[in-house]
């Protein structure tokens, strides 16, 4: 997990929607060390605790999907649903 985070480069595309909107890495959040990214002019944060849990569950064979996200943190799921796409994209970088 640390290797994935350390290898992120400023302005790197983390995810592209079907409509071509790019989610770009914009740094680390100073408050919770989360992963900050921009969608057009909006800034979003994927909390580090969410990424850590998703990483651990993924390594243990749990599918990271909307059900997982809703069960992990319903409020976050409802207010930052775009984080799921970023999570899946980051998890796809895990070397098999």
Protein backbone atom coordinates (compact mmCIF):
# COMPACT_ATOMS: atom_id res chain seq x y z
CA UNK A 1 0.00 0.00 0.00
CA UNK A 2 2.77 2.44 0.91
CA UNK A 3 4.47 1.78 -2.41
CA UNK A 4 1.31 2.69 -4.31
CA UNK A 5 0.98 5.96 -2.42
CA UNK A 6 4.69 6.83 -2.67
CA UNK A 7 4.63 6.33 -6.44
CA UNK A 8 1.78 8.77 -7.07
CA UNK A 9 2.88 11.77 -9.12
CA UNK A 10 1.30 15.22 -8.95
CA UNK A 11 -1.34 15.66 -11.67
CA UNK A 12 -1.27 11.94 -12.51
CA UNK A 13 -4.59 10.64 -13.83
CA UNK A 14 -6.06 8.25 -11.26
CA UNK A 15 -9.28 7.48 -13.09
CA UNK A 16 -11.16 8.51 -16.24
CA UNK A 17 -14.96 8.35 -16.33
CA UNK A 18 -16.93 7.03 -19.30
CA UNK A 19 -17.51 10.65 -20.29
CA UNK A 20 -13.80 11.41 -20.25
CA UNK A 21 -13.59 13.32 -16.95
CA UNK A 22 -10.17 12.85 -15.41
CA UNK A 23 -9.59 12.43 -11.69
CA UNK A 24 -6.06 13.77 -11.09
CA UNK A 25 -3.84 13.28 -8.07
CA UNK A 26 -3.20 16.61 -6.37
CA UNK A 27 -1.28 15.62 -3.22
CA UNK A 28 -1.72 14.28 0.27
CA UNK A 29 -4.16 15.72 2.76
CA UNK A 30 -2.29 17.31 5.65
CA UNK A 31 -5.09 16.57 8.11
CA UNK A 32 -5.55 12.81 7.63
CA UNK A 33 -2.80 11.88 5.12
CA UNK A 34 -5.51 10.97 2.64
CA UNK A 35 -5.13 11.05 -1.11
CA UNK A 36 -6.30 14.33 -2.61
CA UNK A 37 -7.50 14.44 -6.19
CA UNK A 38 -9.27 16.90 -8.42
CA UNK A 39 -12.30 16.45 -10.63
CA UNK A 40 -12.36 19.44 -12.96
CA UNK A 41 -12.12 22.34 -10.48
CA UNK A 42 -13.33 20.37 -7.43
CA UNK A 43 -11.00 18.86 -4.86
CA UNK A 44 -11.87 15.52 -3.22
CA UNK A 45 -10.10 13.41 -0.62
CA UNK A 46 -9.92 9.66 -0.24
CA UNK A 47 -9.23 9.20 3.50
CA UNK A 48 -6.17 7.11 4.29
CA UNK A 49 -8.19 4.91 6.66
CA UNK A 50 -10.55 4.02 3.79
CA UNK A 51 -7.67 3.15 1.49
CA UNK A 52 -5.97 1.08 4.20
CA UNK A 53 -9.10 -0.96 4.91
CA UNK A 54 -9.85 -1.45 1.21
CA UNK A 55 -6.25 -2.53 0.61
CA UNK A 56 -6.32 -5.05 3.48
CA UNK A 57 -9.69 -6.44 2.46
CA UNK A 58 -8.65 -6.66 -1.20
CA UNK A 59 -5.48 -8.56 -0.26
CA UNK A 60 -7.70 -10.96 1.73
CA UNK A 61 -9.93 -11.64 -1.26
CA UNK A 62 -12.80 -9.28 -0.51
CA UNK A 63 -14.35 -7.61 -3.55
CA UNK A 64 -14.20 -3.83 -3.25
CA UNK A 65 -17.51 -2.59 -4.65
CA UNK A 66 -20.40 -0.34 -3.69
CA UNK A 67 -21.68 -2.84 -1.09
CA UNK A 68 -18.27 -2.95 0.54
CA UNK A 69 -18.04 0.86 0.55
CA UNK A 70 -21.56 1.30 1.95
CA UNK A 71 -20.87 -1.23 4.72
CA UNK A 72 -17.48 0.31 5.52
CA UNK A 73 -18.72 3.90 5.83
CA UNK A 74 -22.26 4.71 4.74
CA UNK A 75 -21.84 8.48 5.14
CA UNK A 76 -18.67 8.53 3.08
CA UNK A 77 -20.33 6.30 0.48
CA UNK A 78 -23.24 8.73 0.19
CA UNK A 79 -21.18 11.93 0.12
CA UNK A 80 -18.07 10.82 -1.81
CA UNK A 81 -19.16 8.03 -4.12
CA UNK A 82 -16.42 9.00 -6.59
CA UNK A 83 -13.88 7.62 -4.09
CA UNK A 84 -14.90 4.09 -5.05
CA UNK A 85 -13.59 4.54 -8.60
CA UNK A 86 -10.32 5.93 -7.28
CA UNK A 87 -10.06 3.05 -4.78
CA UNK A 88 -10.54 0.44 -7.48
CA UNK A 89 -8.03 2.15 -9.74
CA UNK A 90 -5.40 2.31 -7.01
CA UNK A 91 -6.01 -1.31 -6.01
CA UNK A 92 -5.53 -2.40 -9.62
CA UNK A 93 -1.88 -1.32 -9.22
CA UNK A 94 -1.17 -4.13 -6.76
CA UNK A 95 1.36 -6.50 -8.25
CA UNK A 96 0.00 -10.03 -8.40
